[in-house]
Amino acid sequence: MFGFAALVGAALADASGSAAADEAPHANVVEIINDTPYTILHLYAHAESMSDWEEDALGEEIIEPGKRLKLDFNVGPNHCRFEMRIEFIDRDPLNLTGFDACRETELHVTVDS
């Protein structure tokens, strides 16, 4: 079992911004940016090769509209692509698949996600 670590404090999601394909992967630290009018209450994730959801990656934190929070998605070698479930206050959850935490440094959460 692994866990995510919150690094800094304040994210709905458009994972389309990407690093160049030939760039070396970064250290799996992703800044979650809440571009919605809803507060993010929970963020659950797991590597695509795993089937169980991990504990809430936000822990005691929440991400209010317009705020951001850095999370460490380093769960070991060859675990880059994640599925996520983002739960809000006063809105249905958002499910995201195929997020590459080895290549992306930001995840913009939007109501269009």
PDB file of N, CA and C in Angstrom:
ATOM      1  N   MET A   1       0.838  -1.182   0.000  1.00  0.00           N
ATOM      2  CA  MET A   1       0.000   0.000   0.000  1.00  0.00           C
ATOM      3  C   MET A   1       0.880   1.241   0.000  1.00  0.00           C
ATOM      4  N   PHE A   2       0.443   2.266  -0.650  1.00  0.00           N
ATOM      5  CA  PHE A   2       1.195   3.502  -0.726  1.00  0.00           C
ATOM      6  C   PHE A   2       0.296   4.651  -0.366  1.00  0.00           C
ATOM      7  N   GLY A   3       0.861   5.811  -0.172  1.00  0.00           N
ATOM      8  CA  GLY A   3       0.068   6.995   0.129  1.00  0.00           C
ATOM      9  C   GLY A   3       0.614   8.189  -0.616  1.00  0.00           C
ATOM     10  N   PHE A   4      -0.207   9.204  -0.762  1.00  0.00           N
ATOM     11  CA  PHE A   4       0.198  10.441  -1.397  1.00  0.00           C
ATOM     12  C   PHE A   4       0.510  11.439  -0.304  1.00  0.00           C
ATOM     13  N   ALA A   5       1.428  12.323  -0.584  1.00  0.00           N
ATOM     14  CA  ALA A   5       1.796  13.331   0.402  1.00  0.00           C
ATOM     15  C   ALA A   5       1.432  14.719  -0.109  1.00  0.00           C
ATOM     16  N   ALA A   6       0.697  15.465   0.689  1.00  0.00           N
ATOM     17  CA  ALA A   6       0.420  16.862   0.342  1.00  0.00           C
ATOM     18  C   ALA A   6       1.668  17.669   0.666  1.00  0.00           C
ATOM     19  N   LEU A   7       2.093  18.516  -0.272  1.00  0.00           N
ATOM     20  CA  LEU A   7       3.319  19.269  -0.076  1.00  0.00           C
ATOM     21  C   LEU A   7       3.077  20.725   0.273  1.00  0.00           C
ATOM     22  N   VAL A   8       2.037  21.353  -0.306  1.00  0.00           N
ATOM     23  CA  VAL A   8       1.759  22.759  -0.062  1.00  0.00           C
ATOM     24  C   VAL A   8       0.254  22.924  -0.067  1.00  0.00           C
ATOM     25  N   GLY A   9      -0.350  24.097   0.278  1.00  0.00           N
ATOM     26  CA  GLY A   9      -1.782  24.194   0.315  1.00  0.00           C
ATOM     27  C   GLY A   9      -2.525  25.097  -0.650  1.00  0.00           C
ATOM     28  N   ALA A  10      -3.579  24.731  -1.470  1.00  0.00           N
ATOM     29  CA  ALA A  10      -4.873  25.134  -2.034  1.00  0.00           C
ATOM     30  C   ALA A  10      -5.608  24.545  -3.242  1.00  0.00           C
ATOM     31  N   ALA A  11      -7.761  22.767  -6.640  1.00  0.00           N
ATOM     32  CA  ALA A  11      -8.203  22.064  -7.758  1.00  0.00           C
ATOM     33  C   ALA A  11      -9.444  21.579  -8.478  1.00  0.00           C
ATOM     34  N   LEU A  12     -10.945  21.534 -10.743  1.00  0.00           N
ATOM     35  CA  LEU A  12     -11.532  20.472 -11.550  1.00  0.00           C
ATOM     36  C   LEU A  12     -10.614  20.246 -12.725  1.00  0.00           C
ATOM     37  N   ALA A  13     -10.624  19.218 -13.629  1.00  0.00           N
ATOM     38  CA  ALA A  13      -9.364  18.777 -14.203  1.00  0.00           C
ATOM     39  C   ALA A  13      -9.292  18.734 -15.703  1.00  0.00           C
ATOM     40  N   ASP A  14      -8.276  19.377 -16.243  1.00  0.00           N
ATOM     41  CA  ASP A  14      -7.950  19.259 -17.653  1.00  0.00           C
ATOM     42  C   ASP A  14      -6.509  18.825 -17.719  1.00  0.00           C
ATOM     43  N   ALA A  15      -6.293  17.564 -18.008  1.00  0.00           N
ATOM     44  CA  ALA A  15      -4.948  17.010 -18.028  1.00  0.00           C
ATOM     45  C   ALA A  15      -4.323  17.109 -19.412  1.00  0.00           C
ATOM     46  N   SER A  16      -4.796  18.009 -20.262  1.00  0.00           N
ATOM     47  CA  SER A  16      -4.302  18.066 -21.628  1.00  0.00           C
ATOM     48  C   SER A  16      -2.967  18.777 -21.761  1.00  0.00           C
ATOM     49  N   GLY A  17      -2.600  19.646 -20.840  1.00  0.00           N
ATOM     50  CA  GLY A  17      -1.303  20.292 -20.922  1.00  0.00           C
ATOM     51  C   GLY A  17      -0.232  19.268 -20.647  1.00  0.00           C
ATOM     52  N   SER A  18       0.766  19.135 -21.551  1.00  0.00           N
ATOM     53  CA  SER A  18       1.745  18.082 -21.341  1.00  0.00           C
ATOM     54  C   SER A  18       3.147  18.563 -21.645  1.00  0.00           C
ATOM     55  N   ALA A  19       4.110  17.888 -21.062  1.00  0.00           N
ATOM     56  CA  ALA A  19       5.501  18.166 -21.337  1.00  0.00           C
ATOM     57  C   ALA A  19       5.867  17.522 -22.672  1.00  0.00           C
ATOM     58  N   ALA A  20       6.924  17.993 -23.263  1.00  0.00           N
ATOM     59  CA  ALA A  20       7.367  17.407 -24.523  1.00  0.00           C
ATOM     60  C   ALA A  20       7.683  15.941 -24.316  1.00  0.00           C
ATOM     61  N   ALA A  21       7.387  15.127 -25.318  1.00  0.00           N
ATOM     62  CA  ALA A  21       7.535  13.677 -25.203  1.00  0.00           C
ATOM     63  C   ALA A  21       8.964  13.261 -24.916  1.00  0.00           C
ATOM     64  N   ASP A  22       9.960  14.057 -25.328  1.00  0.00           N
ATOM     65  CA  ASP A  22      11.344  13.665 -25.112  1.00  0.00           C
ATOM     66  C   ASP A  22      11.927  14.192 -23.807  1.00  0.00           C
ATOM     67  N   GLU A  23      11.153  14.917 -23.012  1.00  0.00           N
ATOM     68  CA  GLU A  23      11.637  15.406 -21.729  1.00  0.00           C
ATOM     69  C   GLU A  23      11.684  14.267 -20.724  1.00  0.00           C
ATOM     70  N   ALA A  24      12.644  14.336 -19.836  1.00  0.00           N
ATOM     71  CA  ALA A  24      12.742  13.335 -18.782  1.00  0.00           C
ATOM     72  C   ALA A  24      11.600  13.532 -17.797  1.00  0.00           C
ATOM     73  N   PRO A  25      11.068  12.452 -17.233  1.00  0.00           N
ATOM     74  CA  PRO A  25      10.002  12.586 -16.239  1.00  0.00           C
ATOM     75  C   PRO A  25      10.491  13.379 -15.030  1.00  0.00           C
ATOM     76  N   HIS A  26       9.576  14.098 -14.396  1.00  0.00           N
ATOM     77  CA  HIS A  26       9.919  14.831 -13.182  1.00  0.00           C
ATOM     78  C   HIS A  26       9.691  13.918 -11.979  1.00  0.00           C
ATOM     79  N   ALA A  27       9.726  14.452 -10.809  1.00  0.00           N
ATOM     80  CA  ALA A  27       9.664  13.658  -9.583  1.00  0.00           C
ATOM     81  C   ALA A  27       8.243  13.348  -9.130  1.00  0.00           C
ATOM     82  N   ASN A  28       7.269  13.370 -10.030  1.00  0.00           N
ATOM     83  CA  ASN A  28       5.884  13.016  -9.734  1.00  0.00           C
ATOM     84  C   ASN A  28       5.174  13.987  -8.795  1.00  0.00           C
ATOM     85  N   VAL A  29       5.671  15.198  -8.648  1.00  0.00           N
ATOM     86  CA  VAL A  29       4.986  16.211  -7.864  1.00  0.00           C
ATOM     87  C   VAL A  29       4.058  16.964  -8.810  1.00  0.00           C
ATOM     88  N   VAL A  30       2.765  16.956  -8.490  1.00  0.00           N
ATOM     89  CA  VAL A  30       1.755  17.562  -9.346  1.00  0.00           C
ATOM     90  C   VAL A  30       1.011  18.617  -8.541  1.00  0.00           C
ATOM     91  N   GLU A  31       0.855  19.797  -9.135  1.00  0.00           N
ATOM     92  CA  GLU A  31       0.101  20.859  -8.492  1.00  0.00           C
ATOM     93  C   GLU A  31      -1.347  20.763  -8.954  1.00  0.00           C
ATOM     94  N   ILE A  32      -2.257  20.509  -8.033  1.00  0.00           N
ATOM     95  CA  ILE A  32      -3.684  20.430  -8.317  1.00  0.00           C
ATOM     96  C   ILE A  32      -4.231  21.854  -8.208  1.00  0.00           C
ATOM     97  N   ILE A  33      -4.863  22.322  -9.286  1.00  0.00           N
ATOM     98  CA  ILE A  33      -5.362  23.699  -9.333  1.00  0.00           C
ATOM     99  C   ILE A  33      -6.876  23.664  -9.488  1.00  0.00           C
ATOM    100  N   ASN A  34      -7.589  24.229  -8.543  1.00  0.00           N
ATOM    101  CA  ASN A  34      -9.051  24.205  -8.553  1.00  0.00           C
ATOM    102  C   ASN A  34      -9.578  25.390  -9.354  1.00  0.00           C
ATOM    103  N   ASP A  35      -9.922  25.130 -10.610  1.00  0.00           N
ATOM    104  CA  ASP A  35     -10.487  26.153 -11.488  1.00  0.00           C
ATOM    105  C   ASP A  35     -12.008  26.047 -11.542  1.00  0.00           C
ATOM    106  N   THR A  36     -12.618  25.615 -10.460  1.00  0.00           N
ATOM    107  CA  THR A  36     -14.072  25.488 -10.381  1.00  0.00           C
ATOM    108  C   THR A  36     -14.614  26.415  -9.300  1.00  0.00           C
ATOM    109  N   PRO A  37     -15.922  26.597  -9.280  1.00  0.00           N
ATOM    110  CA  PRO A  37     -16.522  27.368  -8.183  1.00  0.00           C
ATOM    111  C   PRO A  37     -16.851  26.498  -6.966  1.00  0.00           C
ATOM    112  N   TYR A  38     -16.373  25.239  -6.964  1.00  0.00           N
ATOM    113  CA  TYR A  38     -16.696  24.286  -5.896  1.00  0.00           C
ATOM    114  C   TYR A  38     -15.438  23.934  -5.099  1.00  0.00           C
ATOM    115  N   THR A  39     -15.616  23.701  -3.811  1.00  0.00           N
ATOM    116  CA  THR A  39     -14.507  23.276  -2.965  1.00  0.00           C
ATOM    117  C   THR A  39     -14.256  21.786  -3.161  1.00  0.00           C
ATOM    118  N   ILE A  40     -12.992  21.421  -3.362  1.00  0.00           N
ATOM    119  CA  ILE A  40     -12.615  20.010  -3.457  1.00  0.00           C
ATOM    120  C   ILE A  40     -12.419  19.501  -2.035  1.00  0.00           C
ATOM    121  N   LEU A  41     -13.177  18.480  -1.705  1.00  0.00           N
ATOM    122  CA  LEU A  41     -13.178  17.924  -0.363  1.00  0.00           C
ATOM    123  C   LEU A  41     -12.252  16.712  -0.249  1.00  0.00           C
ATOM    124  N   HIS A  42     -12.268  15.844  -1.283  1.00  0.00           N
ATOM    125  CA  HIS A  42     -11.464  14.614  -1.280  1.00  0.00           C
ATOM    126  C   HIS A  42     -10.876  14.376  -2.662  1.00  0.00           C
ATOM    127  N   LEU A  43      -9.697  13.757  -2.712  1.00  0.00           N
ATOM    128  CA  LEU A  43      -9.097  13.314  -3.955  1.00  0.00           C
ATOM    129  C   LEU A  43      -8.554  11.913  -3.718  1.00  0.00           C
ATOM    130  N   TYR A  44      -9.160  10.947  -4.387  1.00  0.00           N
ATOM    131  CA  TYR A  44      -8.725   9.557  -4.288  1.00  0.00           C
ATOM    132  C   TYR A  44      -8.035   9.191  -5.592  1.00  0.00           C
ATOM    133  N   ALA A  45      -6.992   8.395  -5.525  1.00  0.00           N
ATOM    134  CA  ALA A  45      -6.270   8.021  -6.734  1.00  0.00           C
ATOM    135  C   ALA A  45      -5.659   6.638  -6.562  1.00  0.00           C
ATOM    136  N   HIS A  46      -5.376   6.029  -7.702  1.00  0.00           N
ATOM    137  CA  HIS A  46      -4.567   4.817  -7.712  1.00  0.00           C
ATOM    138  C   HIS A  46      -3.886   4.710  -9.060  1.00  0.00           C
ATOM    139  N   ALA A  47      -2.709   4.089  -9.054  1.00  0.00           N
ATOM    140  CA  ALA A  47      -2.007   3.836 -10.308  1.00  0.00           C
ATOM    141  C   ALA A  47      -2.878   2.916 -11.150  1.00  0.00           C
ATOM    142  N   GLU A  48      -2.855   3.119 -12.478  1.00  0.00           N
ATOM    143  CA  GLU A  48      -3.714   2.319 -13.355  1.00  0.00           C
ATOM    144  C   GLU A  48      -3.466   0.827 -13.222  1.00  0.00           C
ATOM    145  N   SER A  49      -2.277   0.428 -12.803  1.00  0.00           N
ATOM    146  CA  SER A  49      -1.966  -0.997 -12.651  1.00  0.00           C
ATOM    147  C   SER A  49      -2.534  -1.580 -11.358  1.00  0.00           C
ATOM    148  N   MET A  50      -3.125  -0.748 -10.514  1.00  0.00           N
ATOM    149  CA  MET A  50      -3.698  -1.189  -9.246  1.00  0.00           C
ATOM    150  C   MET A  50      -5.207  -1.009  -9.306  1.00  0.00           C
ATOM    151  N   SER A  51      -5.936  -1.735  -8.478  1.00  0.00           N
ATOM    152  CA  SER A  51      -7.395  -1.663  -8.561  1.00  0.00           C
ATOM    153  C   SER A  51      -8.054  -0.986  -7.360  1.00  0.00           C
ATOM    154  N   ASP A  52      -7.371  -0.899  -6.250  1.00  0.00           N
ATOM    155  CA  ASP A  52      -7.975  -0.320  -5.050  1.00  0.00           C
ATOM    156  C   ASP A  52      -7.669   1.164  -4.934  1.00  0.00           C
ATOM    157  N   TRP A  53      -8.677   1.942  -4.521  1.00  0.00           N
ATOM    158  CA  TRP A  53      -8.477   3.357  -4.255  1.00  0.00           C
ATOM    159  C   TRP A  53      -7.653   3.496  -2.989  1.00  0.00           C
ATOM    160  N   GLU A  54      -6.757   4.448  -2.985  1.00  0.00           N
ATOM    161  CA  GLU A  54      -5.953   4.727  -1.801  1.00  0.00           C
ATOM    162  C   GLU A  54      -6.713   5.682  -0.888  1.00  0.00           C
ATOM    163  N   GLU A  55      -6.125   5.990   0.249  1.00  0.00           N
ATOM    164  CA  GLU A  55      -6.720   6.952   1.174  1.00  0.00           C
ATOM    165  C   GLU A  55      -6.826   8.311   0.495  1.00  0.00           C
ATOM    166  N   ASP A  56      -7.632   9.180   1.047  1.00  0.00           N
ATOM    167  CA  ASP A  56      -7.798  10.531   0.527  1.00  0.00           C
ATOM    168  C   ASP A  56      -6.437  11.223   0.474  1.00  0.00           C
ATOM    169  N   ALA A  57      -5.999  11.589  -0.745  1.00  0.00           N
ATOM    170  CA  ALA A  57      -4.688  12.217  -0.926  1.00  0.00           C
ATOM    171  C   ALA A  57      -4.615  13.596  -0.286  1.00  0.00           C
ATOM    172  N   LEU A  58      -5.761  14.220  -0.032  1.00  0.00           N
ATOM    173  CA  LEU A  58      -5.764  15.545   0.578  1.00  0.00           C
ATOM    174  C   LEU A  58      -5.620  15.491   2.094  1.00  0.00           C
ATOM    175  N   GLY A  59      -5.909  14.348   2.671  1.00  0.00           N
ATOM    176  CA  GLY A  59      -5.826  14.235   4.119  1.00  0.00           C
ATOM    177  C   GLY A  59      -6.766  15.226   4.775  1.00  0.00           C
ATOM    178  N   GLU A  60      -6.243  16.078   5.610  1.00  0.00           N
ATOM    179  CA  GLU A  60      -7.035  17.092   6.315  1.00  0.00           C
ATOM    180  C   GLU A  60      -7.254  18.356   5.479  1.00  0.00           C
ATOM    181  N   GLU A  61      -6.598  18.445   4.326  1.00  0.00           N
ATOM    182  CA  GLU A  61      -6.679  19.628   3.473  1.00  0.00           C
ATOM    183  C   GLU A  61      -7.953  19.627   2.635  1.00  0.00           C
ATOM    184  N   ILE A  62      -8.357  20.798   2.182  1.00  0.00           N
ATOM    185  CA  ILE A  62      -9.369  20.962   1.145  1.00  0.00           C
ATOM    186  C   ILE A  62      -8.765  21.943   0.137  1.00  0.00           C
ATOM    187  N   ILE A  63      -9.343  21.985  -1.066  1.00  0.00           N
ATOM    188  CA  ILE A  63      -8.848  22.937  -2.062  1.00  0.00           C
ATOM    189  C   ILE A  63     -10.022  23.818  -2.466  1.00  0.00           C
ATOM    190  N   GLU A  64     -10.006  25.040  -2.001  1.00  0.00           N
ATOM    191  CA  GLU A  64     -11.084  25.988  -2.290  1.00  0.00           C
ATOM    192  C   GLU A  64     -10.954  26.496  -3.724  1.00  0.00           C
ATOM    193  N   PRO A  65     -12.054  27.035  -4.290  1.00  0.00           N
ATOM    194  CA  PRO A  65     -11.998  27.581  -5.652  1.00  0.00           C
ATOM    195  C   PRO A  65     -10.852  28.581  -5.818  1.00  0.00           C
ATOM    196  N   GLY A  66     -10.101  28.426  -6.911  1.00  0.00           N
ATOM    197  CA  GLY A  66      -8.990  29.322  -7.197  1.00  0.00           C
ATOM    198  C   GLY A  66      -7.704  28.988  -6.463  1.00  0.00           C
ATOM    199  N   LYS A  67      -7.720  28.004  -5.589  1.00  0.00           N
ATOM    200  CA  LYS A  67      -6.529  27.646  -4.810  1.00  0.00           C
ATOM    201  C   LYS A  67      -5.829  26.457  -5.450  1.00  0.00           C
ATOM    202  N   ARG A  68      -4.660  26.122  -4.932  1.00  0.00           N
ATOM    203  CA  ARG A  68      -3.846  25.030  -5.453  1.00  0.00           C
ATOM    204  C   ARG A  68      -3.162  24.279  -4.322  1.00  0.00           C
ATOM    205  N   LEU A  69      -2.785  23.034  -4.620  1.00  0.00           N
ATOM    206  CA  LEU A  69      -2.123  22.185  -3.632  1.00  0.00           C
ATOM    207  C   LEU A  69      -1.190  21.248  -4.374  1.00  0.00           C
ATOM    208  N   LYS A  70       0.049  21.125  -3.915  1.00  0.00           N
ATOM    209  CA  LYS A  70       0.998  20.198  -4.527  1.00  0.00           C
ATOM    210  C   LYS A  70       0.893  18.840  -3.841  1.00  0.00           C
ATOM    211  N   LEU A  71       0.830  17.790  -4.674  1.00  0.00           N
ATOM    212  CA  LEU A  71       0.781  16.418  -4.168  1.00  0.00           C
ATOM    213  C   LEU A  71       1.920  15.614  -4.787  1.00  0.00           C
ATOM    214  N   ASP A  72       2.479  14.704  -4.020  1.00  0.00           N
ATOM    215  CA  ASP A  72       3.537  13.822  -4.503  1.00  0.00           C
ATOM    216  C   ASP A  72       2.894  12.506  -4.922  1.00  0.00           C
ATOM    217  N   PHE A  73       2.936  12.202  -6.223  1.00  0.00           N
ATOM    218  CA  PHE A  73       2.354  10.978  -6.760  1.00  0.00           C
ATOM    219  C   PHE A  73       3.403   9.892  -6.973  1.00  0.00           C
ATOM    220  N   ASN A  74       4.535   9.979  -6.318  1.00  0.00           N
ATOM    221  CA  ASN A  74       5.590   8.988  -6.486  1.00  0.00           C
ATOM    222  C   ASN A  74       5.240   7.738  -5.681  1.00  0.00           C
ATOM    223  N   VAL A  75       4.820   6.702  -6.371  1.00  0.00           N
ATOM    224  CA  VAL A  75       4.449   5.451  -5.705  1.00  0.00           C
ATOM    225  C   VAL A  75       5.347   4.309  -6.134  1.00  0.00           C
ATOM    226  N   GLY A  76       6.475   4.631  -6.737  1.00  0.00           N
ATOM    227  CA  GLY A  76       7.430   3.615  -7.137  1.00  0.00           C
ATOM    228  C   GLY A  76       7.658   3.623  -8.635  1.00  0.00           C
ATOM    229  N   PRO A  77       8.698   2.901  -9.054  1.00  0.00           N
ATOM    230  CA  PRO A  77       9.052   2.862 -10.468  1.00  0.00           C
ATOM    231  C   PRO A  77       7.919   2.297 -11.327  1.00  0.00           C
ATOM    232  N   ASN A  78       7.794   2.831 -12.520  1.00  0.00           N
ATOM    233  CA  ASN A  78       6.825   2.363 -13.518  1.00  0.00           C
ATOM    234  C   ASN A  78       5.367   2.579 -13.120  1.00  0.00           C
ATOM    235  N   HIS A  79       5.107   3.492 -12.198  1.00  0.00           N
ATOM    236  CA  HIS A  79       3.743   3.865 -11.831  1.00  0.00           C
ATOM    237  C   HIS A  79       3.567   5.342 -12.134  1.00  0.00           C
ATOM    238  N   CYS A  80       3.175   5.644 -13.374  1.00  0.00           N
ATOM    239  CA  CYS A  80       3.039   7.034 -13.808  1.00  0.00           C
ATOM    240  C   CYS A  80       1.593   7.422 -14.063  1.00  0.00           C
ATOM    241  N   ARG A  81       0.806   6.505 -14.614  1.00  0.00           N
ATOM    242  CA  ARG A  81      -0.559   6.826 -15.027  1.00  0.00           C
ATOM    243  C   ARG A  81      -1.523   6.488 -13.898  1.00  0.00           C
ATOM    244  N   PHE A  82      -2.418   7.468 -13.610  1.00  0.00           N
ATOM    245  CA  PHE A  82      -3.330   7.345 -12.482  1.00  0.00           C
ATOM    246  C   PHE A  82      -4.779   7.537 -12.892  1.00  0.00           C
ATOM    247  N   GLU A  83      -5.647   6.895 -12.155  1.00  0.00           N
ATOM    248  CA  GLU A  83      -7.078   7.177 -12.184  1.00  0.00           C
ATOM    249  C   GLU A  83      -7.365   7.958 -10.906  1.00  0.00           C
ATOM    250  N   MET A  84      -8.261   8.942 -11.007  1.00  0.00           N
ATOM    251  CA  MET A  84      -8.588   9.763  -9.835  1.00  0.00           C
ATOM    252  C   MET A  84     -10.086   9.948  -9.708  1.00  0.00           C
ATOM    253  N   ARG A  85     -10.508  10.128  -8.482  1.00  0.00           N
ATOM    254  CA  ARG A  85     -11.889  10.498  -8.170  1.00  0.00           C
ATOM    255  C   ARG A  85     -11.793  11.742  -7.308  1.00  0.00           C
ATOM    256  N   ILE A  86     -12.364  12.844  -7.821  1.00  0.00           N
ATOM    257  CA  ILE A  86     -12.322  14.118  -7.114  1.00  0.00           C
ATOM    258  C   ILE A  86     -13.726  14.409  -6.604  1.00  0.00           C
ATOM    259  N   GLU A  87     -13.859  14.578  -5.297  1.00  0.00           N
ATOM    260  CA  GLU A  87     -15.160  14.823  -4.680  1.00  0.00           C
ATOM    261  C   GLU A  87     -15.222  16.258  -4.177  1.00  0.00           C
ATOM    262  N   PHE A  88     -16.367  16.884  -4.429  1.00  0.00           N
ATOM    263  CA  PHE A  88     -16.590  18.290  -4.118  1.00  0.00           C
ATOM    264  C   PHE A  88     -17.670  18.448  -3.055  1.00  0.00           C
ATOM    265  N   ILE A  89     -17.728  19.648  -2.496  1.00  0.00           N
ATOM    266  CA  ILE A  89     -18.868  20.050  -1.687  1.00  0.00           C
ATOM    267  C   ILE A  89     -19.897  20.587  -2.676  1.00  0.00           C
ATOM    268  N   ASP A  90     -21.124  20.099  -2.634  1.00  0.00           N
ATOM    269  CA  ASP A  90     -22.236  20.601  -3.465  1.00  0.00           C
ATOM    270  C   ASP A  90     -22.074  20.372  -4.963  1.00  0.00           C
ATOM    271  N   ARG A  91     -21.435  19.269  -5.375  1.00  0.00           N
ATOM    272  CA  ARG A  91     -21.339  18.911  -6.786  1.00  0.00           C
ATOM    273  C   ARG A  91     -21.048  17.423  -6.893  1.00  0.00           C
ATOM    274  N   ASP A  92     -21.511  16.811  -8.006  1.00  0.00           N
ATOM    275  CA  ASP A  92     -21.207  15.402  -8.244  1.00  0.00           C
ATOM    276  C   ASP A  92     -19.699  15.210  -8.400  1.00  0.00           C
ATOM    277  N   PRO A  93     -19.194  14.007  -8.067  1.00  0.00           N
ATOM    278  CA  PRO A  93     -17.754  13.748  -8.185  1.00  0.00           C
ATOM    279  C   PRO A  93     -17.297  13.756  -9.649  1.00  0.00           C
ATOM    280  N   LEU A  94     -16.018  13.923  -9.819  1.00  0.00           N
ATOM    281  CA  LEU A  94     -15.374  13.889 -11.123  1.00  0.00           C
ATOM    282  C   LEU A  94     -14.439  12.694 -11.153  1.00  0.00           C
ATOM    283  N   ASN A  95     -14.528  11.871 -12.199  1.00  0.00           N
ATOM    284  CA  ASN A  95     -13.612  10.750 -12.382  1.00  0.00           C
ATOM    285  C   ASN A  95     -12.693  11.065 -13.547  1.00  0.00           C
ATOM    286  N   LEU A  96     -11.408  10.850 -13.343  1.00  0.00           N
ATOM    287  CA  LEU A  96     -10.395  11.150 -14.337  1.00  0.00           C
ATOM    288  C   LEU A  96      -9.537   9.904 -14.541  1.00  0.00           C
ATOM    289  N   THR A  97      -9.294   9.545 -15.795  1.00  0.00           N
ATOM    290  CA  THR A  97      -8.442   8.395 -16.089  1.00  0.00           C
ATOM    291  C   THR A  97      -7.256   8.832 -16.944  1.00  0.00           C
ATOM    292  N   GLY A  98      -6.190   8.080 -16.862  1.00  0.00           N
ATOM    293  CA  GLY A  98      -5.037   8.286 -17.728  1.00  0.00           C
ATOM    294  C   GLY A  98      -4.175   9.487 -17.417  1.00  0.00           C
ATOM    295  N   PHE A  99      -4.221  10.015 -16.209  1.00  0.00           N
ATOM    296  CA  PHE A  99      -3.378  11.148 -15.872  1.00  0.00           C
ATOM    297  C   PHE A  99      -1.945  10.665 -15.681  1.00  0.00           C
ATOM    298  N   ASP A 100      -0.998  11.261 -16.390  1.00  0.00           N
ATOM    299  CA  ASP A 100       0.412  10.860 -16.338  1.00  0.00           C
ATOM    300  C   ASP A 100       1.174  11.766 -15.370  1.00  0.00           C
ATOM    301  N   ALA A 101       1.358  11.286 -14.157  1.00  0.00           N
ATOM    302  CA  ALA A 101       2.029  12.070 -13.115  1.00  0.00           C
ATOM    303  C   ALA A 101       3.536  12.130 -13.319  1.00  0.00           C
ATOM    304  N   CYS A 102       4.079  11.357 -14.260  1.00  0.00           N
ATOM    305  CA  CYS A 102       5.506  11.437 -14.559  1.00  0.00           C
ATOM    306  C   CYS A 102       5.799  12.548 -15.564  1.00  0.00           C
ATOM    307  N   ARG A 103       4.811  12.924 -16.347  1.00  0.00           N
ATOM    308  CA  ARG A 103       5.003  13.938 -17.390  1.00  0.00           C
ATOM    309  C   ARG A 103       4.327  15.274 -17.067  1.00  0.00           C
ATOM    310  N   GLU A 104       3.219  15.245 -16.344  1.00  0.00           N
ATOM    311  CA  GLU A 104       2.452  16.459 -16.056  1.00  0.00           C
ATOM    312  C   GLU A 104       2.902  17.055 -14.721  1.00  0.00           C
ATOM    313  N   THR A 105       2.971  18.354 -14.655  1.00  0.00           N
ATOM    314  CA  THR A 105       3.321  19.020 -13.404  1.00  0.00           C
ATOM    315  C   THR A 105       2.127  19.755 -12.805  1.00  0.00           C
ATOM    316  N   GLU A 106       1.044  19.899 -13.590  1.00  0.00           N
ATOM    317  CA  GLU A 106      -0.170  20.560 -13.110  1.00  0.00           C
ATOM    318  C   GLU A 106      -1.391  19.772 -13.548  1.00  0.00           C
ATOM    319  N   LEU A 107      -2.422  19.830 -12.734  1.00  0.00           N
ATOM    320  CA  LEU A 107      -3.726  19.273 -13.065  1.00  0.00           C
ATOM    321  C   LEU A 107      -4.752  20.371 -12.786  1.00  0.00           C
ATOM    322  N   HIS A 108      -5.292  20.953 -13.856  1.00  0.00           N
ATOM    323  CA  HIS A 108      -6.318  21.984 -13.720  1.00  0.00           C
ATOM    324  C   HIS A 108      -7.676  21.288 -13.664  1.00  0.00           C
ATOM    325  N   VAL A 109      -8.353  21.421 -12.555  1.00  0.00           N
ATOM    326  CA  VAL A 109      -9.659  20.824 -12.381  1.00  0.00           C
ATOM    327  C   VAL A 109     -10.687  21.864 -12.827  1.00  0.00           C
ATOM    328  N   THR A 110     -11.517  21.499 -13.826  1.00  0.00           N
ATOM    329  CA  THR A 110     -12.510  22.418 -14.369  1.00  0.00           C
ATOM    330  C   THR A 110     -13.863  21.722 -14.433  1.00  0.00           C
ATOM    331  N   VAL A 111     -14.932  22.484 -14.542  1.00  0.00           N
ATOM    332  CA  VAL A 111     -16.248  21.875 -14.652  1.00  0.00           C
ATOM    333  C   VAL A 111     -16.452  21.237 -16.011  1.00  0.00           C
ATOM    334  N   ASP A 112     -15.551  21.502 -16.978  1.00  0.00           N
ATOM    335  CA  ASP A 112     -15.614  20.888 -18.302  1.00  0.00           C
ATOM    336  C   ASP A 112     -14.889  19.552 -18.353  1.00  0.00           C
ATOM    337  N   SER A 113     -14.229  19.165 -17.288  1.00  0.00           N
ATOM    338  CA  SER A 113     -13.399  17.957 -17.284  1.00  0.00           C
ATOM    339  C   SER A 113     -14.221  16.712 -17.476  1.00  0.00           C
TER     340      SER A 113
END
